[in-house]
C-alpha atoms as a PDB file:
ATOM      1  CA  MET A   1      -0.105  -0.084  -0.024  1.00  0.00           C
ATOM      2  CA  ILE A   2       2.735   2.188   0.806  1.00  0.00           C
ATOM      3  CA  ARG A   3       4.900   2.114  -2.291  1.00  0.00           C
ATOM      4  CA  ALA A   4       1.918   2.312  -3.999  1.00  0.00           C
ATOM      5  CA  ILE A   5       0.622   5.750  -3.017  1.00  0.00           C
ATOM      6  CA  SER A   6       4.148   7.278  -2.562  1.00  0.00           C
ATOM      7  CA  GLY A   7       4.945   6.061  -6.170  1.00  0.00           C
ATOM      8  CA  GLY A   8       2.019   7.759  -7.387  1.00  0.00           C
ATOM      9  CA  LEU A   9       2.041  10.931  -5.745  1.00  0.00           C
ATOM     10  CA  GLY A  10       5.873  10.876  -6.490  1.00  0.00           C
ATOM     11  CA  THR A  11       5.325  10.732 -10.759  1.00  0.00           C
ATOM     12  CA  ALA A  12       2.420  13.458 -10.245  1.00  0.00           C
ATOM     13  CA  ILE A  13       4.400  15.433  -7.920  1.00  0.00           C
ATOM     14  CA  ARG A  14       7.382  15.402 -10.427  1.00  0.00           C
ATOM     15  CA  ALA A  15       5.371  15.963 -13.028  1.00  0.00           C
ATOM     16  CA  ALA A  16       3.662  18.872 -11.674  1.00  0.00           C
ATOM     17  CA  LEU A  17       6.362  20.697 -10.402  1.00  0.00           C
ATOM     18  CA  GLY A  18       8.843  19.809 -13.383  1.00  0.00           C
ATOM     19  CA  THR A  19      12.341  18.329 -13.014  1.00  0.00           C
ATOM     20  CA  ALA A  20      13.827  21.633 -13.542  1.00  0.00           C
ATOM     21  CA  VAL A  21      12.565  23.151 -10.252  1.00  0.00           C
ATOM     22  CA  ILE A  22      12.524  19.789  -8.051  1.00  0.00           C
ATOM     23  CA  GLY A  23      14.213  17.298  -9.912  1.00  0.00           C
ATOM     24  CA  GLY A  24      14.470  13.879  -8.348  1.00  0.00           C
ATOM     25  CA  ARG A  25      13.866  15.164  -4.759  1.00  0.00           C
ATOM     26  CA  VAL A  26      10.725  13.981  -4.035  1.00  0.00           C
ATOM     27  CA  TYR A  27      11.376  11.603  -0.543  1.00  0.00           C
ATOM     28  CA  LEU A  28       9.461   8.631   1.508  1.00  0.00           C
ATOM     29  CA  SER A  29       9.378  10.027   4.921  1.00  0.00           C
ATOM     30  CA  MET A  30      12.943  11.540   5.338  1.00  0.00           C
ATOM     31  CA  ALA A  31      14.928  13.745   2.927  1.00  0.00           C
ATOM     32  CA  ALA A  32      18.460  12.661   2.157  1.00  0.00           C
ATOM     33  CA  GLN A  33      20.831  14.845   3.677  1.00  0.00           C
ATOM     34  CA  GLY A  34      22.308  17.334   2.522  1.00  0.00           C
ATOM     35  CA  ALA A  35      19.318  17.492   0.027  1.00  0.00           C
ATOM     36  CA  ALA A  36      19.381  20.456  -2.268  1.00  0.00           C
ATOM     37  CA  LEU A  37      16.126  22.818  -1.721  1.00  0.00           C
ATOM     38  CA  PRO A  38      13.577  22.733  -2.476  1.00  0.00           C
ATOM     39  CA  TYR A  39      12.693  19.372  -2.043  1.00  0.00           C
ATOM     40  CA  VAL A  40       9.208  17.236  -1.113  1.00  0.00           C
ATOM     41  CA  VAL A  41       8.657  14.744   1.659  1.00  0.00           C
ATOM     42  CA  LEU A  42       5.734  12.499   1.248  1.00  0.00           C
ATOM     43  CA  THR A  43       4.617  10.768   4.958  1.00  0.00           C
ATOM     44  CA  PRO A  44       1.674   8.558   6.025  1.00  0.00           C
ATOM     45  CA  VAL A  45      -0.120   9.969   8.755  1.00  0.00           C
ATOM     46  CA  GLY A  46      -2.589   7.837   9.550  1.00  0.00           C
ATOM     47  CA  GLY A  47      -5.781   5.554   8.564  1.00  0.00           C
ATOM     48  CA  GLY A  48      -5.350   2.073   6.741  1.00  0.00           C
ATOM     49  CA  ASP A  49      -7.245  -0.561   5.421  1.00  0.00           C
ATOM     50  CA  GLU A  50     -10.905  -0.249   5.511  1.00  0.00           C
ATOM     51  CA  ASN A  51     -12.095  -3.884   6.347  1.00  0.00           C
ATOM     52  CA  ALA A  52     -15.273  -3.498   5.496  1.00  0.00           C
ATOM     53  CA  THR A  53     -15.514  -5.661   2.764  1.00  0.00           C
ATOM     54  CA  PRO A  54     -13.804  -8.787   1.204  1.00  0.00           C
ATOM     55  CA  ARG A  55     -12.634  -6.161  -1.507  1.00  0.00           C
ATOM     56  CA  ASP A  56      -9.474  -4.410  -0.719  1.00  0.00           C
ATOM     57  CA  ALA A  57     -10.107  -1.230   0.031  1.00  0.00           C
ATOM     58  CA  MET A  58      -7.871   1.758   1.987  1.00  0.00           C
ATOM     59  CA  ASP A  59      -8.671   5.146   3.438  1.00  0.00           C
ATOM     60  CA  VAL A  60      -5.878   6.642   4.470  1.00  0.00           C
ATOM     61  CA  LEU A  61      -4.035  10.146   4.905  1.00  0.00           C
ATOM     62  CA  TRP A  62      -0.623  11.584   3.512  1.00  0.00           C
ATOM     63  CA  GLN A  63       1.169  14.704   4.233  1.00  0.00           C
ATOM     64  CA  THR A  64       3.198  16.213   1.683  1.00  0.00           C
ATOM     65  CA  ASP A  65       5.875  18.797   3.047  1.00  0.00           C
ATOM     66  CA  VAL A  66       7.580  21.164   0.398  1.00  0.00           C
ATOM     67  CA  VAL A  67      10.701  22.612   2.165  1.00  0.00           C
ATOM     68  CA  ALA A  68      12.173  25.697   0.681  1.00  0.00           C
ATOM     69  CA  ASP A  69      15.006  28.765   1.477  1.00  0.00           C
ATOM     70  CA  ASP A  70      11.605  30.988   1.433  1.00  0.00           C
ATOM     71  CA  GLY A  71       8.424  30.972   2.459  1.00  0.00           C
ATOM     72  CA  ALA A  72       6.834  32.038  -1.137  1.00  0.00           C
ATOM     73  CA  GLU A  73       8.344  29.457  -3.028  1.00  0.00           C
ATOM     74  CA  ALA A  74       7.526  26.795  -0.386  1.00  0.00           C
ATOM     75  CA  LEU A  75       3.708  28.066  -0.450  1.00  0.00           C
ATOM     76  CA  GLY A  76       3.747  28.608  -4.113  1.00  0.00           C
ATOM     77  CA  HIS A  77       5.237  24.658  -4.465  1.00  0.00           C
ATOM     78  CA  ALA A  78       2.488  23.379  -2.148  1.00  0.00           C
ATOM     79  CA  GLU A  79      -0.485  25.130  -4.221  1.00  0.00           C
ATOM     80  CA  THR A  80       0.787  23.287  -7.305  1.00  0.00           C
ATOM     81  CA  ILE A  81       0.762  20.213  -5.783  1.00  0.00           C
ATOM     82  CA  ARG A  82      -2.575  20.464  -4.843  1.00  0.00           C
ATOM     83  CA  ALA A  83      -3.758  21.864  -8.006  1.00  0.00           C
ATOM     84  CA  ALA A  84      -2.389  18.472  -9.497  1.00  0.00           C
ATOM     85  CA  LEU A  85      -3.603  16.112  -6.499  1.00  0.00           C
ATOM     86  CA  HIS A  86      -6.770  17.439  -5.010  1.00  0.00           C
ATOM     87  CA  MET A  87     -10.103  15.604  -6.380  1.00  0.00           C
ATOM     88  CA  THR A  88      -8.087  14.085  -8.821  1.00  0.00           C
ATOM     89  CA  ALA A  89     -10.520  11.383  -9.578  1.00  0.00           C
ATOM     90  CA  GLY A  90     -13.612  12.647 -11.373  1.00  0.00           C
ATOM     91  CA  GLY A  91     -12.310  16.389 -10.908  1.00  0.00           C
ATOM     92  CA  SER A  92     -10.341  18.203 -13.952  1.00  0.00           C
ATOM     93  CA  ALA A  93      -6.787  17.199 -12.577  1.00  0.00           C
ATOM     94  CA  GLU A  94      -5.078  14.234 -14.690  1.00  0.00           C
ATOM     95  CA  PRO A  95      -5.481  11.101 -12.699  1.00  0.00           C
ATOM     96  CA  VAL A  96      -2.802   9.855  -9.910  1.00  0.00           C
ATOM     97  CA  VAL A  97      -1.902   6.504 -11.179  1.00  0.00           C
ATOM     98  CA  LEU A  98      -1.324   3.916  -7.952  1.00  0.00           C
ATOM     99  CA  GLY A  99       0.544   0.798  -8.720  1.00  0.00           C
ATOM    100  CA  TYR A 100       0.326  -3.041  -7.148  1.00  0.00           C
ATOM    101  CA  GLY A 101      -3.626  -3.220  -8.278  1.00  0.00           C
ATOM    102  CA  TRP A 102      -5.188  -0.002  -6.428  1.00  0.00           C
ATOM    103  CA  ALA A 103      -7.505   2.028  -8.325  1.00  0.00           C
ATOM    104  CA  LEU A 104      -7.789   5.599  -7.107  1.00  0.00           C
ATOM    105  CA  GLN A 105     -11.043   6.650  -5.841  1.00  0.00           C
ATOM    106  CA  THR A 106     -10.405  10.027  -4.618  1.00  0.00           C
ATOM    107  CA  ILE A 107      -7.686  12.079  -3.227  1.00  0.00           C
ATOM    108  CA  LEU A 108      -8.951  15.046  -1.229  1.00  0.00           C
ATOM    109  CA  HIS A 109      -7.193  18.382   0.235  1.00  0.00           C
ATOM    110  CA  GLU A 110      -7.596  18.537   3.841  1.00  0.00           C
ATOM    111  CA  THR A 111      -5.348  20.340   6.111  1.00  0.00           C
ATOM    112  CA  PRO A 112      -2.516  23.321   5.113  1.00  0.00           C
ATOM    113  CA  VAL A 113      -0.082  23.918   7.875  1.00  0.00           C
ATOM    114  CA  TYR A 114       2.911  26.631   7.052  1.00  0.00           C
ATOM    115  CA  TRP A 115       6.056  26.262   9.723  1.00  0.00           C
ATOM    116  CA  VAL A 116       9.693  28.180   9.916  1.00  0.00           C
ATOM    117  CA  GLU A 117      12.297  26.181  11.349  1.00  0.00           C
ATOM    118  CA  GLN A 118      16.323  28.060  11.815  1.00  0.00           C
ATOM    119  CA  VAL A 119      19.083  25.379  11.847  1.00  0.00           C
ATOM    120  CA  GLU A 120      22.268  26.634  12.180  1.00  0.00           C
ATOM    121  CA  ARG A 121      21.300  30.271  11.285  1.00  0.00           C
ATOM    122  CA  ARG A 122      19.807  29.149   8.226  1.00  0.00           C
ATOM    123  CA  GLN A 123      15.856  29.327   7.258  1.00  0.00           C
ATOM    124  CA  TYR A 124      13.799  26.374   6.485  1.00  0.00           C
ATOM    125  CA  HIS A 125      10.151  26.763   4.912  1.00  0.00           C
ATOM    126  CA  HIS A 126       7.512  23.882   5.652  1.00  0.00           C
ATOM    127  CA  ALA A 127       4.187  24.053   3.689  1.00  0.00           C
ATOM    128  CA  VAL A 128       2.771  21.045   4.052  1.00  0.00           C
ATOM    129  CA  ASP A 129      -0.409  19.643   3.315  1.00  0.00           C
ATOM    130  CA  THR A 130      -2.340  16.770   4.174  1.00  0.00           C
ATOM    131  CA  TYR A 131      -4.253  14.582   1.502  1.00  0.00           C
ATOM    132  CA  ARG A 132      -7.195  11.952   2.088  1.00  0.00           C
ATOM    133  CA  ILE A 133      -6.610   9.184  -0.510  1.00  0.00           C
ATOM    134  CA  ILE A 134      -9.191   6.696  -0.913  1.00  0.00           C
ATOM    135  CA  ALA A 135      -8.422   3.526  -3.168  1.00  0.00           C
ATOM    136  CA  THR A 136      -9.555   0.122  -3.892  1.00  0.00           C
ATOM    137  CA  LYS A 137      -8.251  -3.529  -5.093  1.00  0.00           C
END
């Protein structure tokens, strides 16, 4: 389940932001040490199997964390990602393709958060969004 979602989201995010902006810097759970900015971290944060019927179904929450040198850049990239992901199944955006036999039902944008951290006199701006993903097999 995690590989199916992280692969589908990563591909959609790289396509939305373009390789000139983000390159291959979309990571699962933690960025590579010393990763160039900007980058995106994908993290599963809740939910799981629905276990309501014999058919496999999941209802999960994932976060995207755009990290950049500048707040406007982080927020702008987060908005581009939201436009690419929100309501992709049945919406106007290109569908996100999940792997391993999973069929996406919908992706819903839920919670935006913005925060800044300072590490060794350098600021890192985080634009974090939570998405609800519903899929069946």
